[in-house]
Structures are given as structure tokens and as C-alpha cells.
């Protein structure tokens, strides 16, 4: 089943996000290589592709896991949590309808 993982950033966490981004992307790349990643990306803080120093307010990941517990465990190990980027992470079942 697919799960939507939403991380909400702490204010002023852009430097931590930048520093831990390679490790965060490596985990996403592993999901992609396994064919389990549907989509992933950040929420820009402003209406722009590249928000610059305005940064981001969080991220969305939709990926396939064996269970809610497995998705939660994966989300809990995200480098953005250890770096103090995310202040809150939610994991919910997600039904892909389109495309």
C-alpha cells in the first residue's frame, strides 16, 4: 500500500535542510530504485520554483510500504528529523487513483 508522509519544518531550518539533504535524497533514491517511490518534494515557502532564502515549509513523500508501521519507522529515521528540520511528521495511508 502507498502512504503519504508529510513533514512540517521548524521555522528557520533552511541551513539544517541544506546540510542533511544529501542523506535525505539518498534514502529517497533507494525507494525509487526499488520501484516504491511515487513522488517526493518540498513545499516552497513562497510561490516560486526556487524560493531561495525563503526556504521551505515541509515536504511530501508518497511511497509504498508493507504496512503503516513500516512507513512510520522509515519516516522516523529521516535525516531531516535528526537535523532538526522537521517539527512534525505524519504518515497516512494513501490510495493512488490517478494517473
Protein backbone atom coordinates (compact mmCIF):
# COMPACT_ATOMS: atom_id res chain seq x y z
CA UNK A 1 0.00 0.00 0.00
CA UNK A 2 1.05 3.59 -0.53
CA UNK A 3 1.50 6.05 2.33
CA UNK A 4 1.68 9.85 2.35
CA UNK A 5 4.44 11.13 4.58
CA UNK A 6 4.21 14.83 5.36
CA UNK A 7 6.97 16.65 7.21
CA UNK A 8 6.44 20.17 8.53
CA UNK A 9 9.60 22.24 9.01
CA UNK A 10 10.66 24.20 12.05
CA UNK A 11 10.96 27.91 11.30
CA UNK A 12 14.42 28.96 10.12
CA UNK A 13 15.54 25.40 9.37
CA UNK A 14 16.91 26.03 5.88
CA UNK A 15 20.57 25.52 6.84
CA UNK A 16 19.77 22.19 8.50
CA UNK A 17 17.78 21.18 5.43
CA UNK A 18 20.68 22.04 3.15
CA UNK A 19 23.20 20.17 5.31
CA UNK A 20 21.15 16.97 5.59
CA UNK A 21 19.70 16.99 2.07
CA UNK A 22 22.21 14.52 0.55
CA UNK A 23 21.36 11.86 3.16
CA UNK A 24 17.63 12.59 2.77
CA UNK A 25 17.86 12.24 -1.03
CA UNK A 26 19.88 9.02 -0.75
CA UNK A 27 17.00 7.37 1.13
CA UNK A 28 14.51 8.58 -1.47
CA UNK A 29 16.75 7.31 -4.26
CA UNK A 30 16.79 3.88 -2.63
CA UNK A 31 12.98 3.83 -2.62
CA UNK A 32 12.97 4.89 -6.27
CA UNK A 33 15.42 2.15 -7.24
CA UNK A 34 13.16 -0.37 -5.51
CA UNK A 35 10.18 0.94 -7.50
CA UNK A 36 8.38 2.09 -4.34
CA UNK A 37 8.53 5.89 -4.69
CA UNK A 38 5.51 7.55 -6.30
CA UNK A 39 6.54 11.18 -5.71
CA UNK A 40 8.53 13.36 -3.36
CA UNK A 41 9.29 17.03 -2.98
CA UNK A 42 9.34 20.07 -0.73
CA UNK A 43 6.77 22.79 -0.14
CA UNK A 44 8.38 26.14 -1.09
CA UNK A 45 7.72 28.89 1.45
CA UNK A 46 6.80 31.26 -1.38
CA UNK A 47 5.14 30.81 -4.77
CA UNK A 48 8.34 30.07 -6.68
CA UNK A 49 10.15 27.04 -8.09
CA UNK A 50 13.30 28.20 -6.31
CA UNK A 51 12.34 30.03 -3.12
CA UNK A 52 15.93 30.99 -2.36
CA UNK A 53 16.46 32.12 1.20
CA UNK A 54 12.70 31.95 1.89
CA UNK A 55 13.27 28.22 2.05
CA UNK A 56 10.64 25.56 2.51
CA UNK A 57 7.83 24.78 4.92
CA UNK A 58 7.92 20.99 4.69
CA UNK A 59 7.89 18.00 2.36
CA UNK A 60 5.59 15.37 0.90
CA UNK A 61 6.62 11.81 0.11
CA UNK A 62 4.26 9.19 -1.34
CA UNK A 63 5.80 5.75 -1.27
CA UNK A 64 4.88 2.10 -0.98
CA UNK A 65 5.49 0.19 2.27
CA UNK A 66 4.39 -3.17 3.68
CA UNK A 67 2.40 -1.53 6.48
CA UNK A 68 1.66 1.71 8.28
CA UNK A 69 4.17 0.68 10.93
CA UNK A 70 6.89 0.18 8.30
CA UNK A 71 6.11 3.56 6.74
CA UNK A 72 6.22 5.23 10.16
CA UNK A 73 9.54 3.58 11.02
CA UNK A 74 11.01 4.74 7.70
CA UNK A 75 9.72 8.29 8.28
CA UNK A 76 11.05 8.36 11.85
CA UNK A 77 14.57 7.63 10.56
CA UNK A 78 14.62 10.56 8.13
CA UNK A 79 17.79 12.66 8.37
CA UNK A 80 15.67 15.82 8.45
CA UNK A 81 14.38 14.74 11.86
CA UNK A 82 17.87 14.24 13.26
CA UNK A 83 18.97 17.60 11.82
CA UNK A 84 16.06 19.41 13.47
CA UNK A 85 14.41 20.34 10.17
CA UNK A 86 11.04 18.67 10.73
CA UNK A 87 8.97 19.71 13.74
CA UNK A 88 6.17 17.30 12.88
CA UNK A 89 5.81 14.23 10.66
CA UNK A 90 2.56 12.48 9.79
CA UNK A 91 2.12 9.19 7.97
CA UNK A 92 -1.23 8.23 6.46
CA UNK A 93 -2.44 5.52 4.10
CA UNK A 94 -2.81 6.89 0.56
CA UNK A 95 -4.86 5.47 -2.28
CA UNK A 96 -3.43 6.26 -5.71
CA UNK A 97 -6.28 6.92 -8.15
CA UNK A 98 -4.68 8.98 -10.95
CA UNK A 99 -2.61 8.79 -13.04
